[in-house]
N, C-alpha and C. Protein backbone atom coordinates (compact mmCIF):
# COMPACT_ATOMS: atom_id res chain seq x y z
N MET A 1 0.84 -1.17 0.00
CA MET A 1 0.00 0.00 0.00
C MET A 1 0.89 1.24 0.00
N LEU A 2 0.63 2.13 -0.93
CA LEU A 2 1.43 3.35 -1.04
C LEU A 2 1.00 4.39 -0.02
N ASP A 3 1.97 5.11 0.46
CA ASP A 3 1.71 6.24 1.34
C ASP A 3 0.83 7.22 0.56
N PRO A 4 -0.29 7.68 1.14
CA PRO A 4 -1.19 8.59 0.42
C PRO A 4 -0.49 9.85 -0.08
N GLU A 5 0.46 10.36 0.70
CA GLU A 5 1.19 11.57 0.29
C GLU A 5 2.03 11.29 -0.96
N ILE A 6 2.65 10.13 -1.01
CA ILE A 6 3.45 9.77 -2.19
C ILE A 6 2.53 9.55 -3.38
N LYS A 7 1.37 8.93 -3.15
CA LYS A 7 0.41 8.72 -4.23
C LYS A 7 0.01 10.05 -4.87
N LYS A 8 -0.18 11.08 -4.03
CA LYS A 8 -0.59 12.40 -4.53
C LYS A 8 0.50 13.05 -5.37
N THR A 9 1.76 12.88 -4.95
CA THR A 9 2.84 13.62 -5.58
C THR A 9 3.59 12.85 -6.66
N THR A 10 3.39 11.54 -6.74
CA THR A 10 4.10 10.73 -7.73
C THR A 10 3.15 10.36 -8.85
N LYS A 11 3.53 10.71 -10.07
CA LYS A 11 2.63 10.51 -11.21
C LYS A 11 2.65 9.09 -11.76
N ASN A 12 3.79 8.42 -11.72
CA ASN A 12 3.91 7.14 -12.41
C ASN A 12 4.60 6.11 -11.53
N ILE A 13 3.89 5.04 -11.17
CA ILE A 13 4.49 3.93 -10.44
C ILE A 13 5.02 2.96 -11.49
N CYS A 14 6.33 2.78 -11.50
CA CYS A 14 6.98 2.04 -12.59
C CYS A 14 7.23 0.56 -12.30
N GLY A 15 6.95 0.10 -11.10
CA GLY A 15 7.29 -1.28 -10.76
C GLY A 15 8.75 -1.39 -10.38
N ASP A 16 9.38 -2.47 -10.79
CA ASP A 16 10.78 -2.72 -10.43
C ASP A 16 11.72 -2.00 -11.39
N PHE A 17 12.71 -1.28 -10.83
CA PHE A 17 13.70 -0.56 -11.64
C PHE A 17 14.87 -1.45 -12.04
N ASN A 18 14.89 -2.71 -11.60
CA ASN A 18 15.98 -3.65 -11.90
C ASN A 18 17.33 -3.13 -11.39
N ILE A 19 17.28 -2.50 -10.22
CA ILE A 19 18.50 -2.05 -9.53
C ILE A 19 18.63 -2.89 -8.27
N LYS A 20 19.85 -3.31 -7.98
CA LYS A 20 20.12 -4.13 -6.81
C LYS A 20 21.30 -3.55 -6.04
N ILE A 21 21.19 -3.59 -4.70
CA ILE A 21 22.32 -3.26 -3.82
C ILE A 21 22.69 -4.56 -3.12
N ASP A 22 23.91 -5.05 -3.35
CA ASP A 22 24.29 -6.33 -2.76
C ASP A 22 24.70 -6.17 -1.30
N LYS A 23 25.04 -7.27 -0.65
CA LYS A 23 25.36 -7.24 0.79
C LYS A 23 26.60 -6.44 1.11
N ASN A 24 27.42 -6.13 0.10
CA ASN A 24 28.62 -5.32 0.30
C ASN A 24 28.40 -3.85 -0.02
N GLY A 25 27.15 -3.47 -0.30
CA GLY A 25 26.83 -2.08 -0.60
C GLY A 25 27.12 -1.68 -2.04
N LEU A 26 27.35 -2.66 -2.92
CA LEU A 26 27.62 -2.37 -4.33
C LEU A 26 26.30 -2.33 -5.09
N TRP A 27 26.17 -1.33 -5.96
CA TRP A 27 24.95 -1.10 -6.71
C TRP A 27 25.09 -1.69 -8.12
N TYR A 28 23.97 -2.27 -8.62
CA TYR A 28 23.94 -2.87 -9.95
C TYR A 28 22.67 -2.43 -10.68
N TYR A 29 22.80 -2.26 -11.99
CA TYR A 29 21.64 -2.03 -12.84
C TYR A 29 21.63 -3.14 -13.89
N GLN A 30 20.56 -3.90 -13.95
CA GLN A 30 20.42 -5.05 -14.84
C GLN A 30 21.64 -5.98 -14.74
N GLY A 31 22.14 -6.18 -13.53
CA GLY A 31 23.26 -7.09 -13.29
C GLY A 31 24.64 -6.50 -13.53
N THR A 32 24.70 -5.28 -14.03
CA THR A 32 25.98 -4.62 -14.31
C THR A 32 26.30 -3.62 -13.20
N PRO A 33 27.53 -3.65 -12.66
CA PRO A 33 27.87 -2.71 -11.58
C PRO A 33 27.71 -1.25 -12.02
N ILE A 34 27.20 -0.44 -11.11
CA ILE A 34 27.15 1.01 -11.32
C ILE A 34 28.42 1.56 -10.70
N ASN A 35 29.33 2.04 -11.52
CA ASN A 35 30.64 2.47 -11.03
C ASN A 35 30.74 3.97 -10.77
N ARG A 36 29.77 4.74 -11.24
CA ARG A 36 29.82 6.19 -11.03
C ARG A 36 29.28 6.53 -9.64
N LYS A 37 30.18 6.93 -8.76
CA LYS A 37 29.79 7.24 -7.38
C LYS A 37 28.76 8.37 -7.34
N SER A 38 28.89 9.34 -8.25
CA SER A 38 27.94 10.45 -8.27
C SER A 38 26.52 9.96 -8.57
N LEU A 39 26.39 8.95 -9.41
CA LEU A 39 25.08 8.39 -9.72
C LEU A 39 24.52 7.62 -8.51
N ILE A 40 25.39 6.88 -7.84
CA ILE A 40 24.97 6.15 -6.63
C ILE A 40 24.52 7.14 -5.56
N LYS A 41 25.26 8.24 -5.40
CA LYS A 41 24.86 9.27 -4.42
C LYS A 41 23.51 9.87 -4.78
N LEU A 42 23.28 10.11 -6.06
CA LEU A 42 22.00 10.65 -6.50
C LEU A 42 20.88 9.67 -6.18
N PHE A 43 21.05 8.41 -6.56
CA PHE A 43 20.04 7.40 -6.26
C PHE A 43 19.80 7.29 -4.76
N SER A 44 20.87 7.31 -3.97
CA SER A 44 20.70 7.15 -2.52
C SER A 44 19.95 8.33 -1.91
N SER A 45 20.01 9.50 -2.55
CA SER A 45 19.30 10.67 -2.02
C SER A 45 17.79 10.56 -2.22
N ILE A 46 17.33 9.67 -3.11
CA ILE A 46 15.90 9.49 -3.33
C ILE A 46 15.43 8.10 -2.90
N LEU A 47 16.28 7.41 -2.15
CA LEU A 47 15.97 6.06 -1.67
C LEU A 47 15.20 6.13 -0.35
N THR A 48 14.13 5.35 -0.26
CA THR A 48 13.35 5.22 0.97
C THR A 48 12.99 3.75 1.18
N LYS A 49 12.53 3.47 2.38
CA LYS A 49 12.06 2.12 2.71
C LYS A 49 10.70 2.26 3.36
N ASP A 50 9.72 1.52 2.86
CA ASP A 50 8.37 1.65 3.42
C ASP A 50 8.16 0.72 4.61
N LYS A 51 6.97 0.77 5.17
CA LYS A 51 6.66 0.00 6.38
C LYS A 51 6.71 -1.51 6.15
N GLU A 52 6.56 -1.94 4.92
CA GLU A 52 6.63 -3.37 4.60
C GLU A 52 8.05 -3.83 4.32
N GLY A 53 9.02 -2.90 4.39
CA GLY A 53 10.42 -3.26 4.14
C GLY A 53 10.82 -3.21 2.68
N ILE A 54 9.99 -2.60 1.84
CA ILE A 54 10.29 -2.49 0.41
C ILE A 54 11.06 -1.19 0.17
N TYR A 55 12.13 -1.29 -0.62
CA TYR A 55 12.96 -0.13 -0.95
C TYR A 55 12.45 0.50 -2.24
N TRP A 56 12.39 1.85 -2.24
CA TRP A 56 11.87 2.61 -3.37
C TRP A 56 12.83 3.73 -3.76
N LEU A 57 12.92 3.98 -5.06
CA LEU A 57 13.51 5.21 -5.58
C LEU A 57 12.32 6.06 -6.01
N THR A 58 12.24 7.29 -5.47
CA THR A 58 11.07 8.13 -5.71
C THR A 58 11.49 9.51 -6.18
N THR A 59 10.98 9.90 -7.34
CA THR A 59 11.15 11.27 -7.85
C THR A 59 9.75 11.89 -7.91
N PRO A 60 9.65 13.17 -8.21
CA PRO A 60 8.30 13.75 -8.35
C PRO A 60 7.51 13.14 -9.51
N TYR A 61 8.18 12.46 -10.45
CA TYR A 61 7.51 11.97 -11.65
C TYR A 61 7.32 10.46 -11.69
N GLU A 62 8.18 9.71 -11.00
CA GLU A 62 8.03 8.26 -11.03
C GLU A 62 8.58 7.63 -9.76
N ARG A 63 8.14 6.40 -9.55
CA ARG A 63 8.54 5.66 -8.35
C ARG A 63 8.66 4.20 -8.72
N GLY A 64 9.75 3.56 -8.26
CA GLY A 64 9.94 2.15 -8.53
C GLY A 64 10.72 1.47 -7.43
N THR A 65 10.58 0.17 -7.37
CA THR A 65 11.25 -0.61 -6.33
C THR A 65 12.66 -1.01 -6.77
N ILE A 66 13.51 -1.26 -5.77
CA ILE A 66 14.82 -1.84 -6.01
C ILE A 66 15.03 -2.95 -4.99
N GLN A 67 15.96 -3.85 -5.29
CA GLN A 67 16.27 -4.96 -4.39
C GLN A 67 17.49 -4.59 -3.54
N VAL A 68 17.40 -4.84 -2.24
CA VAL A 68 18.52 -4.60 -1.33
C VAL A 68 18.75 -5.90 -0.55
N ASP A 69 19.94 -6.49 -0.72
CA ASP A 69 20.23 -7.77 -0.07
C ASP A 69 20.24 -7.69 1.45
N ASP A 70 20.82 -6.65 2.01
CA ASP A 70 20.87 -6.48 3.46
C ASP A 70 20.45 -5.06 3.81
N VAL A 71 21.37 -4.12 3.67
CA VAL A 71 21.09 -2.70 3.87
C VAL A 71 21.75 -1.94 2.72
N PRO A 72 21.30 -0.71 2.45
CA PRO A 72 21.84 0.01 1.30
C PRO A 72 23.25 0.56 1.47
N PHE A 73 23.69 0.75 2.71
CA PHE A 73 24.97 1.44 2.93
C PHE A 73 25.89 0.63 3.84
N ILE A 74 27.18 0.87 3.68
CA ILE A 74 28.21 0.24 4.51
C ILE A 74 29.04 1.35 5.15
N VAL A 75 29.29 1.24 6.45
CA VAL A 75 30.19 2.18 7.13
C VAL A 75 31.61 1.75 6.83
N VAL A 76 32.39 2.67 6.23
CA VAL A 76 33.75 2.34 5.78
C VAL A 76 34.84 3.09 6.52
N ASP A 77 34.46 4.07 7.35
CA ASP A 77 35.47 4.82 8.10
C ASP A 77 34.83 5.34 9.39
N MET A 78 35.70 5.68 10.34
CA MET A 78 35.23 6.14 11.63
C MET A 78 36.21 7.15 12.19
N LYS A 79 35.69 8.19 12.82
CA LYS A 79 36.51 9.18 13.53
C LYS A 79 35.92 9.33 14.92
N ASN A 80 36.80 9.54 15.90
CA ASN A 80 36.29 9.79 17.24
C ASN A 80 37.13 10.85 17.92
N LYS A 81 36.48 11.55 18.85
CA LYS A 81 37.19 12.52 19.69
C LYS A 81 36.57 12.46 21.08
N GLY A 82 37.37 12.79 22.07
CA GLY A 82 36.90 12.74 23.44
C GLY A 82 36.98 11.33 24.01
N VAL A 83 36.60 11.21 25.28
CA VAL A 83 36.62 9.91 25.95
C VAL A 83 35.37 9.75 26.82
N GLY A 84 35.09 8.51 27.17
CA GLY A 84 33.98 8.20 28.05
C GLY A 84 32.66 8.72 27.52
N SER A 85 31.82 9.21 28.41
CA SER A 85 30.49 9.68 27.99
C SER A 85 30.56 10.97 27.16
N LEU A 86 31.73 11.62 27.14
CA LEU A 86 31.91 12.82 26.32
C LEU A 86 32.42 12.51 24.92
N GLN A 87 32.69 11.24 24.66
CA GLN A 87 33.20 10.84 23.35
C GLN A 87 32.17 11.12 22.25
N GLU A 88 32.67 11.48 21.07
CA GLU A 88 31.82 11.66 19.89
C GLU A 88 32.40 10.82 18.77
N ILE A 89 31.57 9.94 18.23
CA ILE A 89 31.99 9.04 17.15
C ILE A 89 31.20 9.38 15.90
N ASP A 90 31.91 9.56 14.80
CA ASP A 90 31.29 9.80 13.50
C ASP A 90 31.68 8.68 12.55
N PHE A 91 30.70 8.18 11.83
CA PHE A 91 30.93 7.14 10.83
C PHE A 91 30.81 7.75 9.44
N MET A 92 31.57 7.22 8.48
CA MET A 92 31.42 7.61 7.08
C MET A 92 30.97 6.39 6.29
N THR A 93 29.94 6.58 5.48
CA THR A 93 29.42 5.48 4.67
C THR A 93 30.14 5.40 3.33
N ASN A 94 29.82 4.36 2.59
CA ASN A 94 30.40 4.16 1.26
C ASN A 94 29.94 5.21 0.24
N ILE A 95 28.99 6.06 0.62
CA ILE A 95 28.60 7.17 -0.27
C ILE A 95 29.05 8.51 0.31
N ASP A 96 30.04 8.46 1.20
CA ASP A 96 30.67 9.65 1.80
C ASP A 96 29.74 10.45 2.70
N ARG A 97 28.74 9.83 3.25
CA ARG A 97 27.85 10.51 4.19
C ARG A 97 28.37 10.30 5.61
N ILE A 98 28.42 11.38 6.38
CA ILE A 98 28.85 11.32 7.77
C ILE A 98 27.62 11.08 8.65
N ILE A 99 27.70 10.05 9.51
CA ILE A 99 26.61 9.71 10.43
C ILE A 99 27.14 9.87 11.85
N PRO A 100 26.61 10.84 12.61
CA PRO A 100 27.06 11.04 14.00
C PRO A 100 26.36 10.05 14.94
N LEU A 101 27.10 9.11 15.48
CA LEU A 101 26.53 8.15 16.42
C LEU A 101 26.06 8.88 17.67
N GLY A 102 24.83 8.61 18.08
CA GLY A 102 24.28 9.27 19.26
C GLY A 102 22.79 9.04 19.36
N PRO A 103 22.09 9.88 20.10
CA PRO A 103 20.65 9.68 20.31
C PRO A 103 19.83 9.70 19.01
N ARG A 104 20.25 10.48 18.02
CA ARG A 104 19.48 10.56 16.78
C ARG A 104 19.78 9.39 15.84
N TYR A 105 21.02 8.98 15.75
CA TYR A 105 21.43 7.88 14.89
C TYR A 105 22.04 6.80 15.77
N GLU A 106 21.22 5.78 16.07
CA GLU A 106 21.61 4.77 17.04
C GLU A 106 22.25 3.54 16.39
N LEU A 107 23.05 2.87 17.19
CA LEU A 107 23.74 1.64 16.80
C LEU A 107 23.06 0.46 17.46
N TRP A 108 22.93 -0.66 16.74
CA TRP A 108 22.39 -1.88 17.34
C TRP A 108 23.05 -3.09 16.68
N LEU A 109 22.92 -4.22 17.36
CA LEU A 109 23.40 -5.49 16.83
C LEU A 109 22.19 -6.30 16.40
N ASP A 110 22.29 -6.95 15.24
CA ASP A 110 21.19 -7.75 14.72
C ASP A 110 21.73 -9.11 14.33
N SER A 111 21.05 -10.14 14.78
CA SER A 111 21.48 -11.50 14.47
C SER A 111 20.95 -11.90 13.10
N LYS A 112 21.84 -12.34 12.25
CA LYS A 112 21.45 -12.83 10.93
C LYS A 112 21.57 -14.35 10.94
N ALA A 113 20.47 -15.04 10.72
CA ALA A 113 20.44 -16.50 10.83
C ALA A 113 21.43 -17.18 9.89
N ASN A 114 21.66 -16.59 8.72
CA ASN A 114 22.53 -17.26 7.75
C ASN A 114 24.00 -17.19 8.10
N ILE A 115 24.40 -16.33 9.03
CA ILE A 115 25.82 -16.28 9.41
C ILE A 115 26.04 -16.63 10.87
N GLY A 116 24.98 -16.65 11.66
CA GLY A 116 25.08 -17.13 13.02
C GLY A 116 25.69 -16.19 14.04
N ASN A 117 25.90 -14.93 13.71
CA ASN A 117 26.38 -13.99 14.74
C ASN A 117 25.77 -12.61 14.52
N ASP A 118 25.96 -11.77 15.52
CA ASP A 118 25.39 -10.42 15.46
C ASP A 118 26.22 -9.51 14.57
N LEU A 119 25.52 -8.71 13.78
CA LEU A 119 26.18 -7.72 12.93
C LEU A 119 25.78 -6.33 13.43
N PRO A 120 26.72 -5.37 13.37
CA PRO A 120 26.42 -4.01 13.84
C PRO A 120 25.82 -3.13 12.74
N TYR A 121 24.76 -2.41 13.10
CA TYR A 121 24.07 -1.51 12.17
C TYR A 121 23.88 -0.15 12.83
N ILE A 122 23.72 0.87 11.99
CA ILE A 122 23.41 2.21 12.48
C ILE A 122 22.30 2.79 11.62
N ASP A 123 21.40 3.50 12.27
CA ASP A 123 20.32 4.20 11.58
C ASP A 123 20.92 5.35 10.77
N THR A 124 20.41 5.55 9.55
CA THR A 124 20.89 6.66 8.72
C THR A 124 19.77 7.64 8.37
N GLY A 125 18.58 7.42 8.89
CA GLY A 125 17.45 8.29 8.59
C GLY A 125 16.59 7.73 7.46
N LYS A 126 15.38 8.24 7.31
CA LYS A 126 14.41 7.84 6.29
C LYS A 126 14.12 6.34 6.31
N GLY A 127 14.23 5.72 7.48
CA GLY A 127 13.98 4.28 7.59
C GLY A 127 15.10 3.42 7.06
N LEU A 128 16.23 4.03 6.72
CA LEU A 128 17.36 3.30 6.15
C LEU A 128 18.43 3.06 7.20
N SER A 129 19.32 2.13 6.92
CA SER A 129 20.41 1.86 7.85
C SER A 129 21.66 1.43 7.08
N ALA A 130 22.76 1.42 7.81
CA ALA A 130 24.06 1.01 7.27
C ALA A 130 24.64 -0.06 8.18
N ARG A 131 25.37 -0.99 7.59
CA ARG A 131 26.08 -2.00 8.37
C ARG A 131 27.53 -1.57 8.50
N LEU A 132 28.09 -1.73 9.69
CA LEU A 132 29.50 -1.41 9.90
C LEU A 132 30.36 -2.49 9.27
N ALA A 133 31.35 -2.08 8.49
CA ALA A 133 32.33 -3.03 7.96
C ALA A 133 33.04 -3.67 9.16
N ARG A 134 33.51 -4.88 8.98
CA ARG A 134 34.12 -5.63 10.09
C ARG A 134 35.26 -4.86 10.73
N ASN A 135 36.15 -4.26 9.91
CA ASN A 135 37.29 -3.54 10.48
C ASN A 135 36.84 -2.33 11.31
N ILE A 136 35.75 -1.70 10.90
CA ILE A 136 35.22 -0.56 11.66
C ILE A 136 34.64 -1.04 12.99
N PHE A 137 33.96 -2.17 12.97
CA PHE A 137 33.42 -2.72 14.22
C PHE A 137 34.55 -3.06 15.19
N TYR A 138 35.64 -3.62 14.68
CA TYR A 138 36.79 -3.92 15.55
C TYR A 138 37.39 -2.65 16.13
N GLN A 139 37.47 -1.59 15.33
CA GLN A 139 37.96 -0.31 15.85
C GLN A 139 37.04 0.22 16.96
N LEU A 140 35.75 0.04 16.75
CA LEU A 140 34.77 0.48 17.74
C LEU A 140 34.93 -0.31 19.05
N ILE A 141 35.13 -1.60 18.94
CA ILE A 141 35.34 -2.43 20.13
C ILE A 141 36.58 -1.97 20.89
N ASP A 142 37.62 -1.58 20.16
CA ASP A 142 38.84 -1.08 20.81
C ASP A 142 38.56 0.16 21.67
N LEU A 143 37.55 0.94 21.29
CA LEU A 143 37.19 2.13 22.06
C LEU A 143 36.30 1.81 23.27
N GLY A 144 35.79 0.60 23.31
CA GLY A 144 34.81 0.23 24.33
C GLY A 144 35.41 -0.05 25.68
N GLU A 145 34.51 -0.13 26.64
CA GLU A 145 34.89 -0.51 28.00
C GLU A 145 34.15 -1.78 28.37
N VAL A 146 34.81 -2.66 29.11
CA VAL A 146 34.19 -3.90 29.55
C VAL A 146 33.42 -3.63 30.84
N ILE A 147 32.17 -4.02 30.84
CA ILE A 147 31.31 -3.88 32.01
C ILE A 147 31.06 -5.30 32.53
N GLU A 148 31.37 -5.52 33.79
CA GLU A 148 31.16 -6.84 34.38
C GLU A 148 30.22 -6.72 35.56
N ASN A 149 29.22 -7.59 35.58
CA ASN A 149 28.36 -7.69 36.75
C ASN A 149 28.13 -9.17 37.05
N GLN A 150 27.28 -9.47 37.99
CA GLN A 150 27.09 -10.85 38.42
C GLN A 150 26.55 -11.75 37.32
N ASN A 151 25.71 -11.22 36.46
CA ASN A 151 25.03 -12.04 35.46
C ASN A 151 25.75 -12.14 34.13
N GLU A 152 26.51 -11.11 33.77
CA GLU A 152 27.14 -11.11 32.45
C GLU A 152 28.25 -10.07 32.37
N SER A 153 29.00 -10.17 31.29
CA SER A 153 30.01 -9.17 30.96
C SER A 153 29.73 -8.71 29.54
N TYR A 154 29.91 -7.42 29.30
CA TYR A 154 29.67 -6.91 27.95
C TYR A 154 30.56 -5.71 27.68
N VAL A 155 30.63 -5.34 26.40
CA VAL A 155 31.41 -4.18 25.96
C VAL A 155 30.43 -3.06 25.65
N ARG A 156 30.78 -1.86 26.10
CA ARG A 156 29.93 -0.70 25.89
C ARG A 156 30.79 0.45 25.38
N ILE A 157 30.20 1.27 24.53
CA ILE A 157 30.84 2.52 24.10
C ILE A 157 29.87 3.66 24.35
N TRP A 158 30.43 4.87 24.36
CA TRP A 158 29.64 6.08 24.50
C TRP A 158 29.85 6.94 23.26
N SER A 159 28.80 7.65 22.88
CA SER A 159 28.92 8.69 21.86
C SER A 159 27.80 9.70 22.07
N ARG A 160 28.21 10.96 22.18
CA ARG A 160 27.27 12.05 22.37
C ARG A 160 26.33 11.82 23.56
N GLY A 161 26.90 11.31 24.66
CA GLY A 161 26.16 11.12 25.89
C GLY A 161 25.27 9.89 25.93
N LYS A 162 25.29 9.08 24.89
CA LYS A 162 24.45 7.87 24.86
C LYS A 162 25.35 6.64 24.87
N SER A 163 24.93 5.64 25.63
CA SER A 163 25.67 4.38 25.76
C SER A 163 25.13 3.37 24.76
N PHE A 164 26.05 2.62 24.13
CA PHE A 164 25.67 1.57 23.18
C PHE A 164 26.38 0.28 23.56
N ARG A 165 25.62 -0.78 23.57
CA ARG A 165 26.15 -2.09 23.93
C ARG A 165 26.66 -2.79 22.66
N LEU A 166 27.90 -3.30 22.71
CA LEU A 166 28.50 -3.93 21.54
C LEU A 166 28.52 -5.45 21.61
N GLY A 167 27.94 -6.01 22.62
CA GLY A 167 27.88 -7.46 22.72
C GLY A 167 28.33 -7.96 24.07
N SER A 168 27.87 -9.14 24.41
CA SER A 168 28.22 -9.73 25.70
C SER A 168 29.10 -10.95 25.49
N PHE A 169 29.77 -11.34 26.57
CA PHE A 169 30.62 -12.53 26.51
C PHE A 169 30.66 -13.20 27.86
């Protein structure tokens, strides 16, 4: 079911655009890689995800679906400043977007049945998210502190005054 507001403003629903974003954040059109980063950035600026989990490219004139294997973006770099609860962590995605980790853009771990362990994700807005590349997740763990209590031990990090749990052991 289309959002009524989108129905009003979009003239032509085109169906599937035959665009795919693979699990590594690589974009394809009709099975051929899209190598122009500027085109990927343009497409990502009009990308949304609806309540049913369907990804759409929407312009004022047309709207169509695309396939996304996991999430549309991958975090490929990280910068941090400060320490403890005053620390600020910024992530950069594969489309050069800076995502400030904190209350607005939260980090979570999600278990994927096909790989058997938790993967780290961050909200990027508009119902979209990015997965942290493995090396970035390891860098994040290096910044963490181990919290031990009677029931469990886990790693936690802070960014912009908010605490995020990175997993238990």
